Protein backbone atom coordinates (compact mmCIF):
# COMPACT_ATOMS: atom_id res chain seq x y z
CA MET A 1 99.75 -103.22 123.60
CA LYS A 2 99.78 -106.09 126.07
CA LEU A 3 96.83 -108.33 126.85
CA LYS A 4 96.02 -108.42 130.58
CA LEU A 5 93.37 -109.71 133.01
CA ILE A 6 92.69 -106.93 135.47
CA LEU A 7 90.85 -106.83 138.75
CA LEU A 8 89.39 -103.34 139.45
CA LYS A 9 88.62 -101.81 142.84
CA SER A 10 84.95 -102.27 141.99
CA GLY A 11 85.42 -106.03 141.85
CA GLU A 12 85.01 -106.22 138.11
CA LEU A 13 87.28 -108.58 136.19
CA ILE A 14 88.33 -107.06 132.85
CA ILE A 15 90.32 -108.52 129.92
CA THR A 16 91.80 -105.95 127.66
CA GLU A 17 94.74 -104.74 125.69
CA ILE A 18 96.49 -102.24 127.94
CA GLU A 19 98.78 -99.30 127.54
CA GLU A 20 100.28 -97.16 130.30
CA MET A 21 99.07 -93.53 130.70
CA VAL A 22 102.22 -91.54 131.58
CA ILE A 23 103.12 -87.94 132.31
CA GLY A 24 106.55 -86.39 132.27
CA GLU A 25 109.63 -87.53 130.30
CA ASP A 26 112.65 -89.69 130.96
CA GLU A 27 113.57 -89.57 134.71
CA THR A 28 110.38 -87.68 135.66
CA GLU A 29 108.09 -90.09 133.81
CA LYS A 30 105.25 -91.33 136.06
CA THR A 31 102.45 -93.78 135.37
CA ILE A 32 99.12 -92.20 136.33
CA GLY A 33 96.78 -94.77 134.80
CA TYR A 34 96.06 -97.07 131.95
CA PHE A 35 94.32 -97.05 128.58
CA PHE A 36 92.05 -100.06 128.17
CA ASN A 37 91.57 -100.94 124.49
CA LYS A 38 88.41 -102.97 123.70
CA PRO A 39 87.86 -103.94 127.36
CA CYS A 40 85.52 -106.80 128.15
CA LEU A 41 83.93 -107.82 131.45
CA VAL A 42 84.69 -111.42 132.25
CA ASN A 43 81.79 -113.24 133.90
CA MET A 44 82.29 -116.82 135.16
CA SER A 45 79.68 -119.27 136.22
CA LYS A 46 80.21 -121.33 139.31
CA PRO A 47 82.75 -124.04 138.64
CA SER A 48 81.65 -127.56 137.86
CA ILE A 49 84.00 -130.27 139.11
CA SER A 50 84.30 -133.43 137.11
CA THR A 51 83.24 -136.59 138.96
CA SER A 52 85.62 -138.85 137.01
CA ASP A 53 89.34 -139.20 137.80
CA ASP A 54 89.88 -135.94 135.91
CA THR A 55 90.42 -133.26 138.56
CA THR A 56 89.91 -130.26 136.29
CA THR A 57 87.41 -127.54 137.12
CA LYS A 58 85.44 -126.10 134.26
CA PHE A 59 83.84 -122.64 134.08
CA LYS A 60 81.30 -121.14 131.73
CA ILE A 61 82.89 -117.84 130.57
CA ILE A 62 80.95 -114.86 129.13
CA LEU A 63 82.70 -111.79 127.73
CA ALA A 64 80.67 -108.62 127.50
CA PRO A 65 81.78 -105.15 126.45
CA TRP A 66 82.79 -102.99 129.46
CA ILE A 67 81.27 -99.55 129.10
CA ALA A 68 79.48 -100.73 125.99
CA LEU A 69 78.04 -97.38 124.99
CA ALA A 70 81.38 -95.54 124.91
CA LYS A 71 82.02 -93.86 121.57
CA ASP A 72 85.74 -94.65 121.74
CA GLY A 73 87.18 -98.10 122.30
CA LEU A 74 90.12 -96.67 124.24
CA ILE A 75 89.09 -96.04 127.82
CA PRO A 76 91.29 -94.22 130.39
CA VAL A 77 91.37 -95.79 133.89
CA PRO A 78 93.13 -94.09 136.87
CA LEU A 79 95.92 -96.05 138.50
CA ASP A 80 94.22 -96.20 141.89
CA TRP A 81 91.32 -98.24 140.39
CA VAL A 82 93.48 -101.16 139.41
CA VAL A 83 93.92 -103.70 142.22
CA THR A 84 96.08 -106.13 140.23
CA MET A 85 96.77 -107.30 136.72
CA VAL A 86 97.94 -110.67 135.47
CA ASP A 87 98.45 -112.52 132.20
CA PRO A 88 95.26 -114.39 131.29
CA VAL A 89 95.36 -118.16 130.80
CA ASP A 90 95.86 -119.20 127.21
CA GLN A 91 92.26 -120.31 126.71
CA LEU A 92 90.90 -116.93 127.84
CA SER A 93 93.41 -115.04 125.67
CA ASP A 94 92.45 -117.07 122.62
CA MET A 95 88.75 -116.49 123.34
CA TYR A 96 89.25 -112.69 123.61
CA ILE A 97 91.45 -112.53 120.51
CA ASN A 98 89.14 -114.66 118.38
CA ASP A 99 85.82 -113.36 119.57
CA VAL A 100 86.63 -109.67 120.30
CA ILE A 101 89.63 -108.48 118.43
CA ASN A 102 89.19 -110.52 115.24
CA TYR A 103 85.39 -110.27 115.34
CA LYS A 104 85.51 -106.47 115.39
CA LYS A 105 88.01 -106.44 112.54
CA LYS A 106 85.75 -108.76 110.44
CA ASN A 107 82.47 -107.07 111.17
CA ASP A 108 83.52 -103.51 112.08
CA GLN A 109 80.95 -103.35 114.85
CA THR A 110 81.32 -101.50 118.12
CA THR A 111 79.63 -103.99 120.46
CA SER A 112 79.85 -107.75 120.90
CA VAL A 113 78.71 -110.25 123.46
CA THR A 114 80.35 -113.62 123.30
CA GLU A 115 79.42 -116.70 125.26
CA GLN A 116 81.40 -119.88 125.27
CA PRO A 117 79.65 -122.76 126.94
CA ASP A 118 82.51 -124.77 128.24
CA SER A 119 85.90 -123.11 128.20
CA GLY A 120 87.87 -125.96 129.78
CA ILE A 121 89.80 -123.55 131.95
CA SER A 122 91.28 -125.44 134.84
CA ASP A 123 92.39 -124.44 138.34
């Protein structure tokens, strides 16, 4: 599975491990959607811009389970609901892997809310 940052038609920003949902075989294979594994909603505070010579912009990032009450961690999403998907910046990837993937492995829990006060993610 690949880790992606996805913008949905609803405006939600999701970070998740993703796998294509396909029908058909070989030449007739067609992607009809995606499976999101352990998806989290990415919430960002308004950026704070440093007043020193440093031109970086910092965000407060909060990850919260997307569809938190789902019994299964693998959620199907139709293709037409995905606006775009990109590779997340390294800091966000690390946060997701450490706080969601590894946390669930350690604690075997189905829900998790993670808050990181100053992610240092820059424009």
